[in-house]
Amino acid sequence: MLERDVVAAIKRYLASLGSDVFFWKEHGGPYGTSGVPDIICCYKGRFIGMECKLPGGRLTELQKRAIHRINQAGGIACRVESVEDVRRVIAQADAERGEKRG
């Protein structure tokens, strides 16, 4: 399995959430910001950044710093390895809103 396979599975899951979510895959390059999470998401008004890694993959210092800054600013940012990890992030966002996802 490659990291892009993890990203593709996560994108399919997020798309299944319908109008509750808007997301995109951040593409690195000369015009991007280094360290920004792979998937940027707005879920029910909540900012979420997800850095996708294969099991055992390490975050760079820039990625760690970006995740910290997003969390410090009141968003949710974390490292994810699977759709199940993303389900937990979505559940966290719902819990913080006082909702339950079916």
C-alpha atoms as a PDB file:
ATOM      1  CA  MET A   1       0.000   0.000   0.000  1.00  0.00           C
ATOM      2  CA  LEU A   2       1.182   3.497  -0.831  1.00  0.00           C
ATOM      3  CA  GLU A   3       0.426   6.761   0.914  1.00  0.00           C
ATOM      4  CA  ARG A   4      -1.624   7.860  -2.088  1.00  0.00           C
ATOM      5  CA  ASP A   5      -3.869   4.795  -1.534  1.00  0.00           C
ATOM      6  CA  VAL A   6      -4.512   5.954   2.039  1.00  0.00           C
ATOM      7  CA  VAL A   7      -5.276   9.476   0.774  1.00  0.00           C
ATOM      8  CA  ALA A   8      -7.659   8.108  -1.889  1.00  0.00           C
ATOM      9  CA  ALA A   9      -9.562   5.993   0.659  1.00  0.00           C
ATOM     10  CA  ILE A  10      -9.859   8.965   3.020  1.00  0.00           C
ATOM     11  CA  LYS A  11     -11.117  11.200   0.197  1.00  0.00           C
ATOM     12  CA  ARG A  12     -13.777   8.605  -0.713  1.00  0.00           C
ATOM     13  CA  TYR A  13     -14.903   8.475   2.919  1.00  0.00           C
ATOM     14  CA  LEU A  14     -15.072  12.257   3.238  1.00  0.00           C
ATOM     15  CA  ALA A  15     -17.053  12.478  -0.032  1.00  0.00           C
ATOM     16  CA  SER A  16     -19.566  10.034   1.449  1.00  0.00           C
ATOM     17  CA  LEU A  17     -20.384  12.562   4.188  1.00  0.00           C
ATOM     18  CA  GLY A  18     -22.259  14.708   1.670  1.00  0.00           C
ATOM     19  CA  SER A  19     -22.923  18.390   2.222  1.00  0.00           C
ATOM     20  CA  ASP A  20     -21.551  18.351   5.792  1.00  0.00           C
ATOM     21  CA  VAL A  21     -18.002  18.478   4.451  1.00  0.00           C
ATOM     22  CA  PHE A  22     -15.829  20.428   2.031  1.00  0.00           C
ATOM     23  CA  PHE A  23     -12.281  19.179   1.527  1.00  0.00           C
ATOM     24  CA  TRP A  24      -9.327  19.092  -0.804  1.00  0.00           C
ATOM     25  CA  LYS A  25      -5.986  17.386  -1.139  1.00  0.00           C
ATOM     26  CA  GLU A  26      -3.219  19.913  -0.635  1.00  0.00           C
ATOM     27  CA  HIS A  27      -0.549  19.525  -3.291  1.00  0.00           C
ATOM     28  CA  GLY A  28       2.977  20.553  -2.466  1.00  0.00           C
ATOM     29  CA  GLY A  29       4.968  22.670  -4.814  1.00  0.00           C
ATOM     30  CA  PRO A  30       6.645  26.018  -5.208  1.00  0.00           C
ATOM     31  CA  TYR A  31       3.422  27.940  -4.531  1.00  0.00           C
ATOM     32  CA  GLY A  32       2.293  25.931  -1.501  1.00  0.00           C
ATOM     33  CA  THR A  33       3.126  26.272   2.164  1.00  0.00           C
ATOM     34  CA  SER A  34       5.540  23.681   3.506  1.00  0.00           C
ATOM     35  CA  GLY A  35       4.210  21.489   6.291  1.00  0.00           C
ATOM     36  CA  VAL A  36       0.503  22.046   5.543  1.00  0.00           C
ATOM     37  CA  PRO A  37      -1.481  18.815   6.110  1.00  0.00           C
ATOM     38  CA  ASP A  38      -2.288  16.608   3.113  1.00  0.00           C
ATOM     39  CA  ILE A  39      -6.058  16.994   3.438  1.00  0.00           C
ATOM     40  CA  ILE A  40      -7.716  20.257   4.415  1.00  0.00           C
ATOM     41  CA  CYS A  41     -11.320  19.893   5.466  1.00  0.00           C
ATOM     42  CA  CYS A  42     -14.218  21.971   6.721  1.00  0.00           C
ATOM     43  CA  TYR A  43     -16.663  19.702   8.532  1.00  0.00           C
ATOM     44  CA  LYS A  44     -19.843  21.345   9.837  1.00  0.00           C
ATOM     45  CA  GLY A  45     -17.934  24.607  10.141  1.00  0.00           C
ATOM     46  CA  ARG A  46     -14.926  23.064  11.895  1.00  0.00           C
ATOM     47  CA  PHE A  47     -11.448  23.335  10.352  1.00  0.00           C
ATOM     48  CA  ILE A  48      -9.640  19.989  10.166  1.00  0.00           C
ATOM     49  CA  GLY A  49      -6.152  19.266   8.813  1.00  0.00           C
ATOM     50  CA  MET A  50      -5.080  15.666   8.311  1.00  0.00           C
ATOM     51  CA  GLU A  51      -1.518  14.610   7.577  1.00  0.00           C
ATOM     52  CA  CYS A  52      -1.664  11.187   5.916  1.00  0.00           C
ATOM     53  CA  LYS A  53       1.091   8.699   6.666  1.00  0.00           C
ATOM     54  CA  LEU A  54       1.643   5.006   6.254  1.00  0.00           C
ATOM     55  CA  PRO A  55       1.990   3.082   9.524  1.00  0.00           C
ATOM     56  CA  GLY A  56       5.401   3.915  10.945  1.00  0.00           C
ATOM     57  CA  GLY A  57       5.769   7.017   8.767  1.00  0.00           C
ATOM     58  CA  ARG A  58       7.193  10.034  10.555  1.00  0.00           C
ATOM     59  CA  LEU A  59       6.079  13.634  10.573  1.00  0.00           C
ATOM     60  CA  THR A  60       8.619  16.246   9.552  1.00  0.00           C
ATOM     61  CA  GLU A  61       9.338  19.118  11.912  1.00  0.00           C
ATOM     62  CA  LEU A  62       7.394  21.445   9.587  1.00  0.00           C
ATOM     63  CA  GLN A  63       4.400  19.091   9.683  1.00  0.00           C
ATOM     64  CA  LYS A  64       4.559  18.879  13.481  1.00  0.00           C
ATOM     65  CA  ARG A  65       4.693  22.662  13.690  1.00  0.00           C
ATOM     66  CA  ALA A  66       1.721  23.101  11.316  1.00  0.00           C
ATOM     67  CA  ILE A  67      -0.371  20.565  13.262  1.00  0.00           C
ATOM     68  CA  HIS A  68       0.478  22.316  16.526  1.00  0.00           C
ATOM     69  CA  ARG A  69      -0.428  25.749  15.129  1.00  0.00           C
ATOM     70  CA  ILE A  70      -3.772  24.538  13.754  1.00  0.00           C
ATOM     71  CA  ASN A  71      -4.687  22.962  17.103  1.00  0.00           C
ATOM     72  CA  GLN A  72      -3.523  26.053  18.961  1.00  0.00           C
ATOM     73  CA  ALA A  73      -5.770  28.195  16.745  1.00  0.00           C
ATOM     74  CA  GLY A  74      -8.823  26.092  17.640  1.00  0.00           C
ATOM     75  CA  GLY A  75      -8.919  23.729  14.657  1.00  0.00           C
ATOM     76  CA  ILE A  76      -8.346  20.011  14.685  1.00  0.00           C
ATOM     77  CA  ALA A  77      -5.146  18.717  13.119  1.00  0.00           C
ATOM     78  CA  CYS A  78      -3.536  15.314  13.385  1.00  0.00           C
ATOM     79  CA  ARG A  79      -1.675  12.495  11.696  1.00  0.00           C
ATOM     80  CA  VAL A  80      -3.928   9.809  10.181  1.00  0.00           C
ATOM     81  CA  GLU A  81      -3.129   6.385   8.746  1.00  0.00           C
ATOM     82  CA  SER A  82      -6.574   5.107   7.777  1.00  0.00           C
ATOM     83  CA  VAL A  83     -10.244   5.830   7.235  1.00  0.00           C
ATOM     84  CA  GLU A  84     -10.815   4.581  10.777  1.00  0.00           C
ATOM     85  CA  ASP A  85      -8.512   7.317  12.088  1.00  0.00           C
ATOM     86  CA  VAL A  86     -10.544   9.874  10.122  1.00  0.00           C
ATOM     87  CA  ARG A  87     -13.799   8.475  11.536  1.00  0.00           C
ATOM     88  CA  ARG A  88     -12.367   9.173  15.007  1.00  0.00           C
ATOM     89  CA  VAL A  89     -11.480  12.746  14.002  1.00  0.00           C
ATOM     90  CA  ILE A  90     -15.023  13.288  12.676  1.00  0.00           C
ATOM     91  CA  ALA A  91     -16.449  11.792  15.885  1.00  0.00           C
ATOM     92  CA  GLN A  92     -14.264  14.195  17.883  1.00  0.00           C
ATOM     93  CA  ALA A  93     -15.602  17.148  15.884  1.00  0.00           C
ATOM     94  CA  ASP A  94     -19.183  15.934  16.441  1.00  0.00           C
ATOM     95  CA  ALA A  95     -18.552  15.427  20.176  1.00  0.00           C
ATOM     96  CA  GLU A  96     -17.239  18.955  20.475  1.00  0.00           C
ATOM     97  CA  ARG A  97     -20.488  20.142  18.835  1.00  0.00           C
ATOM     98  CA  GLY A  98     -22.563  17.886  21.095  1.00  0.00           C
ATOM     99  CA  GLU A  99     -23.697  15.662  18.205  1.00  0.00           C
ATOM    100  CA  LYS A 100     -23.555  11.963  17.462  1.00  0.00           C
ATOM    101  CA  ARG A 101     -22.867  10.530  14.031  1.00  0.00           C
ATOM    102  CA  GLY A 102     -24.874   7.440  13.030  1.00  0.00           C
END
